[in-house]
Amino acid sequence: MSEQVQMIPGNSLITKTPEEGRQLAVKMARLVIKATQPDASVREKLRPIYAQDAAMLIAIGQVVATEFATIAAANNYWK
């Protein structure tokens, strides 16, 4: 039986600071990977592959940026 992944930790996008928002974005991006590939052993095997692939690392950065944009909008960081 697979574990249920909580996609928004604490069920809130509201953070005290932009730094906390950025950390939440990284955590949420990691949760997307966990939900997409729930088998930890497969994720472990894949980690060295994407760690050496610049395009994959850039793609991960894009996921974090998208998550952060959502969190920033929820927190009105752009005021």
N, C-alpha and C. Protein backbone atom coordinates (compact mmCIF):
# COMPACT_ATOMS: atom_id res chain seq x y z
N MET A 1 0.85 -1.17 0.00
CA MET A 1 0.00 0.00 0.00
C MET A 1 0.90 1.24 0.00
N SER A 2 0.64 2.19 -0.89
CA SER A 2 1.48 3.37 -0.97
C SER A 2 1.04 4.43 0.03
N GLU A 3 2.00 5.19 0.50
CA GLU A 3 1.77 6.25 1.47
C GLU A 3 1.14 7.45 0.77
N GLN A 4 0.16 8.08 1.41
CA GLN A 4 -0.49 9.27 0.88
C GLN A 4 0.46 10.46 1.07
N VAL A 5 0.81 11.14 -0.01
CA VAL A 5 1.70 12.28 0.05
C VAL A 5 0.87 13.55 0.20
N GLN A 6 1.14 14.33 1.25
CA GLN A 6 0.48 15.62 1.44
C GLN A 6 1.21 16.63 0.57
N MET A 7 0.56 17.10 -0.49
CA MET A 7 1.21 17.94 -1.48
C MET A 7 1.48 19.36 -1.00
N ILE A 8 0.70 19.85 -0.04
CA ILE A 8 0.94 21.18 0.52
C ILE A 8 1.15 20.98 2.03
N PRO A 9 2.42 20.97 2.47
CA PRO A 9 2.70 20.76 3.88
C PRO A 9 1.97 21.79 4.75
N GLY A 10 1.30 21.31 5.79
CA GLY A 10 0.55 22.19 6.66
C GLY A 10 -0.73 22.72 6.04
N ASN A 11 -1.03 22.29 4.81
CA ASN A 11 -2.23 22.68 4.08
C ASN A 11 -2.37 24.19 3.93
N SER A 12 -1.21 24.89 3.79
CA SER A 12 -1.24 26.34 3.61
C SER A 12 -0.04 26.80 2.80
N LEU A 13 -0.26 27.77 1.95
CA LEU A 13 0.83 28.40 1.20
C LEU A 13 1.33 29.66 1.90
N ILE A 14 0.72 30.05 2.98
CA ILE A 14 1.09 31.27 3.68
C ILE A 14 2.36 31.03 4.49
N THR A 15 3.34 31.91 4.31
CA THR A 15 4.60 31.82 5.03
C THR A 15 4.92 33.17 5.66
N LYS A 16 5.78 33.16 6.68
CA LYS A 16 6.13 34.40 7.39
C LYS A 16 7.06 35.29 6.57
N THR A 17 7.94 34.66 5.78
CA THR A 17 8.93 35.42 5.03
C THR A 17 9.07 34.84 3.63
N PRO A 18 9.62 35.62 2.69
CA PRO A 18 9.91 35.06 1.37
C PRO A 18 10.88 33.88 1.43
N GLU A 19 11.84 33.91 2.36
CA GLU A 19 12.78 32.78 2.51
C GLU A 19 12.02 31.51 2.89
N GLU A 20 11.08 31.61 3.82
CA GLU A 20 10.26 30.45 4.16
C GLU A 20 9.44 30.01 2.96
N GLY A 21 8.98 30.97 2.18
CA GLY A 21 8.24 30.64 0.96
C GLY A 21 9.08 29.87 -0.02
N ARG A 22 10.33 30.28 -0.18
CA ARG A 22 11.24 29.59 -1.10
C ARG A 22 11.51 28.18 -0.61
N GLN A 23 11.70 28.02 0.70
CA GLN A 23 11.92 26.69 1.27
C GLN A 23 10.69 25.80 1.06
N LEU A 24 9.51 26.38 1.21
CA LEU A 24 8.28 25.63 0.98
C LEU A 24 8.20 25.21 -0.49
N ALA A 25 8.61 26.09 -1.40
CA ALA A 25 8.59 25.76 -2.83
C ALA A 25 9.49 24.57 -3.13
N VAL A 26 10.67 24.54 -2.53
CA VAL A 26 11.58 23.41 -2.73
C VAL A 26 10.95 22.13 -2.18
N LYS A 27 10.36 22.21 -1.00
CA LYS A 27 9.72 21.04 -0.40
C LYS A 27 8.58 20.53 -1.27
N MET A 28 7.76 21.47 -1.79
CA MET A 28 6.64 21.07 -2.63
C MET A 28 7.13 20.43 -3.93
N ALA A 29 8.22 20.95 -4.49
CA ALA A 29 8.77 20.35 -5.71
C ALA A 29 9.25 18.93 -5.42
N ARG A 30 9.86 18.73 -4.27
CA ARG A 30 10.31 17.38 -3.90
C ARG A 30 9.12 16.44 -3.72
N LEU A 31 8.02 16.96 -3.17
CA LEU A 31 6.82 16.14 -2.99
C LEU A 31 6.22 15.74 -4.33
N VAL A 32 6.33 16.61 -5.33
CA VAL A 32 5.84 16.26 -6.68
C VAL A 32 6.62 15.06 -7.20
N ILE A 33 7.93 15.07 -6.99
CA ILE A 33 8.76 13.95 -7.43
C ILE A 33 8.36 12.67 -6.69
N LYS A 34 8.15 12.80 -5.38
CA LYS A 34 7.76 11.63 -4.57
C LYS A 34 6.40 11.09 -5.00
N ALA A 35 5.47 11.97 -5.31
CA ALA A 35 4.14 11.52 -5.75
C ALA A 35 4.21 10.89 -7.14
N THR A 36 5.07 11.44 -7.98
CA THR A 36 5.20 10.92 -9.34
C THR A 36 5.90 9.57 -9.36
N GLN A 37 6.94 9.43 -8.50
CA GLN A 37 7.67 8.16 -8.39
C GLN A 37 7.70 7.76 -6.92
N PRO A 38 6.66 7.06 -6.46
CA PRO A 38 6.57 6.73 -5.03
C PRO A 38 7.57 5.69 -4.55
N ASP A 39 8.23 4.99 -5.45
CA ASP A 39 9.19 3.95 -5.05
C ASP A 39 10.54 4.60 -4.71
N ALA A 40 10.86 4.62 -3.42
CA ALA A 40 12.09 5.27 -2.95
C ALA A 40 13.34 4.66 -3.58
N SER A 41 13.35 3.36 -3.79
CA SER A 41 14.54 2.73 -4.37
C SER A 41 14.74 3.18 -5.82
N VAL A 42 13.68 3.39 -6.55
CA VAL A 42 13.79 3.89 -7.92
C VAL A 42 14.32 5.32 -7.90
N ARG A 43 13.80 6.15 -6.99
CA ARG A 43 14.29 7.53 -6.88
C ARG A 43 15.78 7.54 -6.56
N GLU A 44 16.22 6.65 -5.67
CA GLU A 44 17.64 6.55 -5.32
C GLU A 44 18.49 6.19 -6.55
N LYS A 45 17.99 5.27 -7.36
CA LYS A 45 18.73 4.86 -8.57
C LYS A 45 18.80 5.99 -9.59
N LEU A 46 17.75 6.80 -9.66
CA LEU A 46 17.71 7.88 -10.65
C LEU A 46 18.52 9.11 -10.24
N ARG A 47 18.70 9.31 -8.96
CA ARG A 47 19.37 10.52 -8.46
C ARG A 47 20.73 10.76 -9.11
N PRO A 48 21.62 9.76 -9.23
CA PRO A 48 22.92 10.02 -9.88
C PRO A 48 22.78 10.40 -11.36
N ILE A 49 21.73 9.93 -11.99
CA ILE A 49 21.52 10.25 -13.41
C ILE A 49 21.18 11.72 -13.57
N TYR A 50 20.18 12.21 -12.84
CA TYR A 50 19.80 13.60 -13.03
C TYR A 50 20.79 14.56 -12.39
N ALA A 51 21.57 14.09 -11.42
CA ALA A 51 22.58 14.95 -10.80
C ALA A 51 23.68 15.32 -11.78
N GLN A 52 23.84 14.54 -12.84
CA GLN A 52 24.87 14.79 -13.85
C GLN A 52 24.31 15.37 -15.14
N ASP A 53 23.03 15.66 -15.17
CA ASP A 53 22.38 16.14 -16.40
C ASP A 53 21.90 17.58 -16.20
N ALA A 54 22.59 18.52 -16.84
CA ALA A 54 22.28 19.94 -16.67
C ALA A 54 20.83 20.25 -17.06
N ALA A 55 20.33 19.65 -18.11
CA ALA A 55 18.95 19.92 -18.55
C ALA A 55 17.95 19.46 -17.49
N MET A 56 18.20 18.32 -16.87
CA MET A 56 17.30 17.85 -15.83
C MET A 56 17.36 18.75 -14.60
N LEU A 57 18.55 19.23 -14.25
CA LEU A 57 18.68 20.13 -13.10
C LEU A 57 17.98 21.46 -13.37
N ILE A 58 18.07 21.96 -14.59
CA ILE A 58 17.36 23.19 -14.95
C ILE A 58 15.86 22.96 -14.87
N ALA A 59 15.39 21.80 -15.31
CA ALA A 59 13.96 21.48 -15.24
C ALA A 59 13.48 21.46 -13.79
N ILE A 60 14.29 20.92 -12.91
CA ILE A 60 13.94 20.91 -11.48
C ILE A 60 13.84 22.35 -10.96
N GLY A 61 14.80 23.18 -11.37
CA GLY A 61 14.76 24.59 -10.98
C GLY A 61 13.49 25.28 -11.47
N GLN A 62 13.04 24.92 -12.65
CA GLN A 62 11.80 25.50 -13.18
C GLN A 62 10.59 25.09 -12.36
N VAL A 63 10.56 23.85 -11.90
CA VAL A 63 9.46 23.39 -11.04
C VAL A 63 9.45 24.18 -9.74
N VAL A 64 10.63 24.37 -9.14
CA VAL A 64 10.71 25.15 -7.90
C VAL A 64 10.25 26.59 -8.15
N ALA A 65 10.68 27.17 -9.27
CA ALA A 65 10.28 28.55 -9.58
C ALA A 65 8.77 28.67 -9.74
N THR A 66 8.15 27.70 -10.37
CA THR A 66 6.70 27.71 -10.53
C THR A 66 6.00 27.60 -9.18
N GLU A 67 6.48 26.69 -8.34
CA GLU A 67 5.90 26.55 -7.00
C GLU A 67 6.07 27.86 -6.22
N PHE A 68 7.25 28.49 -6.32
CA PHE A 68 7.49 29.73 -5.58
C PHE A 68 6.61 30.85 -6.10
N ALA A 69 6.38 30.93 -7.40
CA ALA A 69 5.50 31.95 -7.94
C ALA A 69 4.09 31.82 -7.36
N THR A 70 3.63 30.60 -7.20
CA THR A 70 2.31 30.35 -6.61
C THR A 70 2.29 30.80 -5.15
N ILE A 71 3.34 30.44 -4.40
CA ILE A 71 3.43 30.82 -2.99
C ILE A 71 3.54 32.34 -2.87
N ALA A 72 4.34 32.95 -3.73
CA ALA A 72 4.51 34.41 -3.70
C ALA A 72 3.19 35.12 -3.96
N ALA A 73 2.41 34.62 -4.89
CA ALA A 73 1.10 35.21 -5.17
C ALA A 73 0.18 35.07 -3.95
N ALA A 74 0.22 33.92 -3.31
CA ALA A 74 -0.63 33.70 -2.13
C ALA A 74 -0.26 34.62 -0.98
N ASN A 75 1.02 34.99 -0.92
CA ASN A 75 1.53 35.83 0.18
C ASN A 75 1.66 37.30 -0.21
N ASN A 76 1.31 37.64 -1.43
CA ASN A 76 1.42 39.02 -1.91
C ASN A 76 2.85 39.57 -1.77
N TYR A 77 3.84 38.73 -2.09
CA TYR A 77 5.24 39.16 -1.99
C TYR A 77 5.57 40.27 -2.97
N TRP A 78 4.82 40.38 -4.04
CA TRP A 78 5.16 41.32 -5.12
C TRP A 78 4.60 42.72 -4.88
N LYS A 79 4.09 42.99 -3.70
CA LYS A 79 3.51 44.31 -3.41
C LYS A 79 4.54 45.41 -3.41
